[in-house]
Amino acid sequence: MGRKIQLTAADDHVFSAYLAEPAGKPRGGIVVIQEIFGVTRHIRDVTEQYAAAGYLAVAPALFDRVEPDVDVPYTDSQKGFGYVKALHTDKVMLDIQAAADHVKPAGKVGVVGYCWGGQLAFLAAARVRIDAAIAYYGGGINQQLAHLPRVPVMFHFGEQDTHIPLSAVDEIRNAYPRGIYHLYPAQHGFNCTERASFDLPSAKLAFDRSVEFFRQNVG
């Protein structure tokens, strides 16, 4: 089982994170970036998944800059967006960098993000010292194309996602054709076991693809 740790960002902000360690020598490090709901049970489970796959995995609590120990119900998106609006992206990038630095002793570092975290993973691929990134149904990525990734990026999108139209996916693909794009017959949040939109076949396929991508780019 994982454990809660404390990290310090470059601006001296101290925040919590959930750390999960592999059974043996790590293949590398993975930063798991939360949705708009905080470091929920689902995000902790994903962190454990990557540890089981052989990585030193950490999920930084990005909402700690607003309020500690945030865990918003999946039925209250409005509250989650409230926390997002209270944050500045530059500060969030500092926290992601601190998390990446913490797992860096394990080797190369990858970032994987979900929902809001998917957009942050895309931004981290351009702004944070990492080696690869994966964005799961990252909303608003098509509005963040001014600075394109410097490292390989894989994208997972649901074809039935009412929050992210396929036209937005096309915008991203046109701006960043080097990316690896996968579409699934699923809705937004298809990887999350806590949501009604959870789709097991899509989640399993996406995770298998993600692990293979990290094996190729992280270790």
Protein backbone atom coordinates (compact mmCIF):
# COMPACT_ATOMS: atom_id res chain seq x y z
CA MET A 1 0.00 0.00 0.00
CA GLY A 2 1.04 3.56 -0.66
CA ARG A 3 1.58 6.30 1.85
CA LYS A 4 1.18 10.02 2.21
CA ILE A 5 4.34 12.13 1.97
CA GLN A 6 5.23 15.82 1.97
CA LEU A 7 6.88 17.59 -0.98
CA THR A 8 8.24 21.13 -1.34
CA ALA A 9 7.93 23.13 -4.57
CA ALA A 10 10.52 25.63 -5.82
CA ASP A 11 8.54 28.51 -4.26
CA ASP A 12 8.70 26.77 -0.84
CA HIS A 13 5.06 25.65 -0.97
CA VAL A 14 4.75 22.44 1.08
CA PHE A 15 2.09 20.01 -0.08
CA SER A 16 1.09 16.38 0.28
CA ALA A 17 1.32 13.55 -2.22
CA TYR A 18 0.46 9.88 -2.38
CA LEU A 19 3.49 7.67 -3.01
CA ALA A 20 3.35 4.04 -4.12
CA GLU A 21 6.51 1.94 -4.44
CA PRO A 22 7.08 -1.11 -6.65
CA ALA A 23 7.98 -4.50 -5.17
CA GLY A 24 11.43 -4.52 -6.74
CA LYS A 25 13.84 -2.09 -8.32
CA PRO A 26 11.82 0.64 -10.09
CA ARG A 27 11.82 0.88 -13.87
CA GLY A 28 11.48 4.66 -13.54
CA GLY A 29 9.19 7.25 -12.03
CA ILE A 30 5.57 8.15 -12.81
CA VAL A 31 3.69 11.27 -11.70
CA VAL A 32 -0.08 10.71 -11.61
CA ILE A 33 -2.01 13.96 -12.04
CA GLN A 34 -5.43 14.22 -10.49
CA GLU A 35 -8.82 15.11 -11.94
CA ILE A 36 -10.80 18.12 -10.71
CA PHE A 37 -11.84 16.04 -7.69
CA GLY A 38 -8.50 15.81 -5.90
CA VAL A 39 -6.34 12.84 -4.96
CA THR A 40 -9.35 10.56 -4.73
CA ARG A 41 -9.47 6.83 -4.08
CA HIS A 42 -9.44 6.35 -7.85
CA ILE A 43 -6.27 8.42 -8.29
CA ARG A 44 -4.62 6.53 -5.43
CA ASP A 45 -5.64 3.25 -7.09
CA VAL A 46 -4.11 4.39 -10.39
CA THR A 47 -0.90 5.27 -8.54
CA GLU A 48 -0.88 1.75 -7.10
CA GLN A 49 -1.46 0.35 -10.61
CA TYR A 50 1.69 1.98 -11.89
CA ALA A 51 3.65 0.82 -8.85
CA ALA A 52 2.47 -2.73 -9.57
CA ALA A 53 3.75 -2.25 -13.14
CA GLY A 54 7.19 -1.53 -11.71
CA TYR A 55 7.32 2.25 -11.32
CA LEU A 56 7.88 4.55 -8.36
CA ALA A 57 4.60 6.44 -8.61
CA VAL A 58 3.45 9.63 -6.95
CA ALA A 59 0.22 11.64 -7.07
CA PRO A 60 0.72 15.26 -5.93
CA ALA A 61 -2.18 16.95 -4.15
CA LEU A 62 -2.43 20.00 -6.40
CA PHE A 63 -5.39 21.49 -4.54
CA ASP A 64 -3.27 21.85 -1.39
CA ARG A 65 -2.47 25.39 -2.58
CA VAL A 66 -6.13 26.18 -1.92
CA GLU A 67 -7.14 23.70 0.77
CA PRO A 68 -5.51 20.53 2.17
CA ASP A 69 -6.91 17.01 1.78
CA VAL A 70 -9.48 17.83 -0.89
CA ASP A 71 -11.58 14.86 -2.04
CA VAL A 72 -14.61 16.12 -3.97
CA PRO A 73 -17.50 13.72 -4.74
CA TYR A 74 -17.66 12.82 -8.42
CA THR A 75 -21.21 14.17 -8.45
CA ASP A 76 -20.03 17.72 -7.62
CA SER A 77 -18.10 18.94 -10.66
CA GLN A 78 -18.94 22.56 -9.87
CA LYS A 79 -17.06 22.36 -6.57
CA GLY A 80 -14.09 20.76 -8.30
CA PHE A 81 -13.95 23.48 -10.93
CA GLY A 82 -13.98 26.01 -8.13
CA TYR A 83 -10.67 24.68 -6.86
CA VAL A 84 -9.22 24.70 -10.37
CA LYS A 85 -10.20 28.35 -10.90
CA ALA A 86 -8.46 29.30 -7.64
CA LEU A 87 -5.13 27.99 -8.92
CA HIS A 88 -2.50 29.51 -11.21
CA THR A 89 -1.07 27.14 -13.82
CA ASP A 90 2.51 28.34 -13.24
CA LYS A 91 2.25 27.33 -9.58
CA VAL A 92 0.74 23.97 -10.49
CA MET A 93 3.69 23.30 -12.79
CA LEU A 94 6.02 23.90 -9.85
CA ASP A 95 4.19 21.21 -7.88
CA ILE A 96 4.34 18.75 -10.77
CA GLN A 97 8.07 19.45 -11.13
CA ALA A 98 8.57 18.78 -7.42
CA ALA A 99 6.75 15.47 -7.77
CA ALA A 100 8.84 14.56 -10.83
CA ASP A 101 12.03 15.45 -8.96
CA HIS A 102 10.99 13.20 -6.07
CA VAL A 103 10.73 10.11 -8.28
CA LYS A 104 13.68 11.06 -10.51
CA PRO A 105 16.15 8.90 -8.53
CA ALA A 106 14.22 5.90 -9.92
CA GLY A 107 15.27 6.82 -13.48
CA LYS A 108 13.44 8.55 -16.29
CA VAL A 109 10.09 10.15 -15.42
CA GLY A 110 6.71 9.98 -17.09
CA VAL A 111 3.53 11.92 -16.30
CA VAL A 112 -0.02 10.65 -16.72
CA GLY A 113 -3.04 12.85 -16.10
CA TYR A 114 -6.80 12.44 -16.11
CA CYS A 115 -9.49 15.01 -17.02
CA TRP A 116 -8.02 18.33 -15.80
CA GLY A 117 -4.87 16.34 -15.16
CA GLY A 118 -4.82 15.37 -18.83
CA GLN A 119 -4.48 19.01 -19.80
CA LEU A 120 -1.78 19.46 -17.15
CA ALA A 121 0.10 16.42 -18.47
CA PHE A 122 0.11 18.03 -21.92
CA LEU A 123 1.42 21.30 -20.46
CA ALA A 124 3.99 19.45 -18.38
CA ALA A 125 5.33 17.85 -21.56
CA ALA A 126 6.30 21.36 -22.67
CA ARG A 127 7.21 22.96 -19.36
CA VAL A 128 8.44 20.33 -16.86
CA ARG A 129 11.63 18.27 -16.89
CA ILE A 130 10.14 14.88 -17.75
CA ASP A 131 10.66 12.23 -20.44
CA ALA A 132 7.13 11.35 -21.59
CA ALA A 133 3.47 12.16 -20.89
CA ILE A 134 0.03 10.61 -21.29
CA ALA A 135 -3.21 12.59 -21.33
CA TYR A 136 -6.50 10.83 -20.59
CA TYR A 137 -9.52 12.80 -21.85
CA GLY A 138 -7.81 16.10 -21.16
CA GLY A 139 -10.32 18.91 -21.57
CA GLY A 140 -9.12 22.19 -23.01
CA ILE A 141 -5.91 20.87 -24.55
CA ASN A 142 -7.00 22.38 -27.87
CA GLN A 143 -6.83 25.79 -26.15
CA GLN A 144 -3.25 25.17 -24.96
CA LEU A 145 -1.46 24.72 -28.27
CA ALA A 146 0.82 27.77 -28.09
CA HIS A 147 3.59 25.68 -26.51
CA LEU A 148 3.86 22.18 -27.90
CA PRO A 149 5.39 19.19 -26.08
CA ARG A 150 9.15 18.62 -26.08
CA VAL A 151 8.75 14.92 -25.19
CA PRO A 152 6.59 12.07 -26.56
CA VAL A 153 2.89 12.27 -25.67
CA MET A 154 0.10 9.70 -25.91
CA PHE A 155 -3.57 10.74 -25.87
CA HIS A 156 -6.65 8.74 -24.86
CA PHE A 157 -10.07 10.13 -25.81
CA GLY A 158 -13.63 8.79 -25.67
CA GLU A 159 -15.62 8.97 -28.89
CA GLN A 160 -18.79 9.61 -26.87
CA ASP A 161 -17.23 12.32 -24.68
CA THR A 162 -19.70 15.23 -24.58
CA HIS A 163 -17.07 17.43 -22.89
CA ILE A 164 -14.42 16.97 -25.60
CA PRO A 165 -15.82 16.90 -29.16
CA LEU A 166 -13.88 15.01 -31.80
CA SER A 167 -13.33 18.35 -33.53
CA ALA A 168 -11.17 19.35 -30.53
CA VAL A 169 -9.19 16.12 -30.90
CA ASP A 170 -8.64 16.98 -34.57
CA GLU A 171 -7.34 20.43 -33.57
CA ILE A 172 -4.78 18.83 -31.27
CA ARG A 173 -3.78 16.25 -33.85
CA ASN A 174 -3.31 18.93 -36.52
CA ALA A 175 -1.16 21.06 -34.22
CA TYR A 176 0.80 18.12 -32.80
CA PRO A 177 0.88 15.31 -35.37
CA ARG A 178 3.78 13.61 -33.58
CA GLY A 179 1.45 12.55 -30.78
CA ILE A 180 0.01 9.05 -30.43
CA TYR A 181 -3.80 9.19 -30.47
CA HIS A 182 -6.25 6.53 -29.34
CA LEU A 183 -10.04 6.76 -29.45
CA TYR A 184 -12.38 4.49 -27.47
CA PRO A 185 -16.12 3.74 -27.73
CA ALA A 186 -16.62 5.39 -24.35
CA GLN A 187 -17.57 8.58 -22.50
CA HIS A 188 -15.60 11.12 -20.51
CA GLY A 189 -13.97 9.56 -17.46
CA PHE A 190 -14.07 6.04 -18.87
CA ASN A 191 -11.03 5.03 -16.81
CA CYS A 192 -12.56 5.99 -13.47
CA THR A 193 -14.20 3.18 -11.49
CA GLU A 194 -16.05 5.79 -9.39
CA ARG A 195 -17.98 7.20 -12.35
CA ALA A 196 -21.07 5.88 -14.10
CA SER A 197 -19.12 6.34 -17.36
CA PHE A 198 -16.50 3.75 -16.36
CA ASP A 199 -15.87 1.37 -19.25
CA LEU A 200 -13.76 -1.64 -18.30
CA PRO A 201 -12.68 -2.79 -21.81
CA SER A 202 -11.60 0.75 -22.76
CA ALA A 203 -9.87 1.31 -19.42
CA LYS A 204 -7.93 -1.95 -19.68
CA LEU A 205 -6.86 -1.34 -23.27
CA ALA A 206 -5.81 2.24 -22.47
CA PHE A 207 -3.78 1.12 -19.45
CA ASP A 208 -2.04 -1.62 -21.42
CA ARG A 209 -1.15 0.90 -24.12
CA SER A 210 0.02 3.37 -21.49
CA VAL A 211 2.33 0.88 -19.81
CA GLU A 212 3.83 -0.09 -23.16
CA PHE A 213 4.34 3.60 -24.01
CA PHE A 214 6.11 4.19 -20.69
CA ARG A 215 8.20 1.06 -21.19
CA GLN A 216 9.42 2.54 -24.46
CA ASN A 217 10.01 6.08 -23.19
CA VAL A 218 10.68 5.79 -19.46
CA GLY A 219 11.94 2.29 -18.84
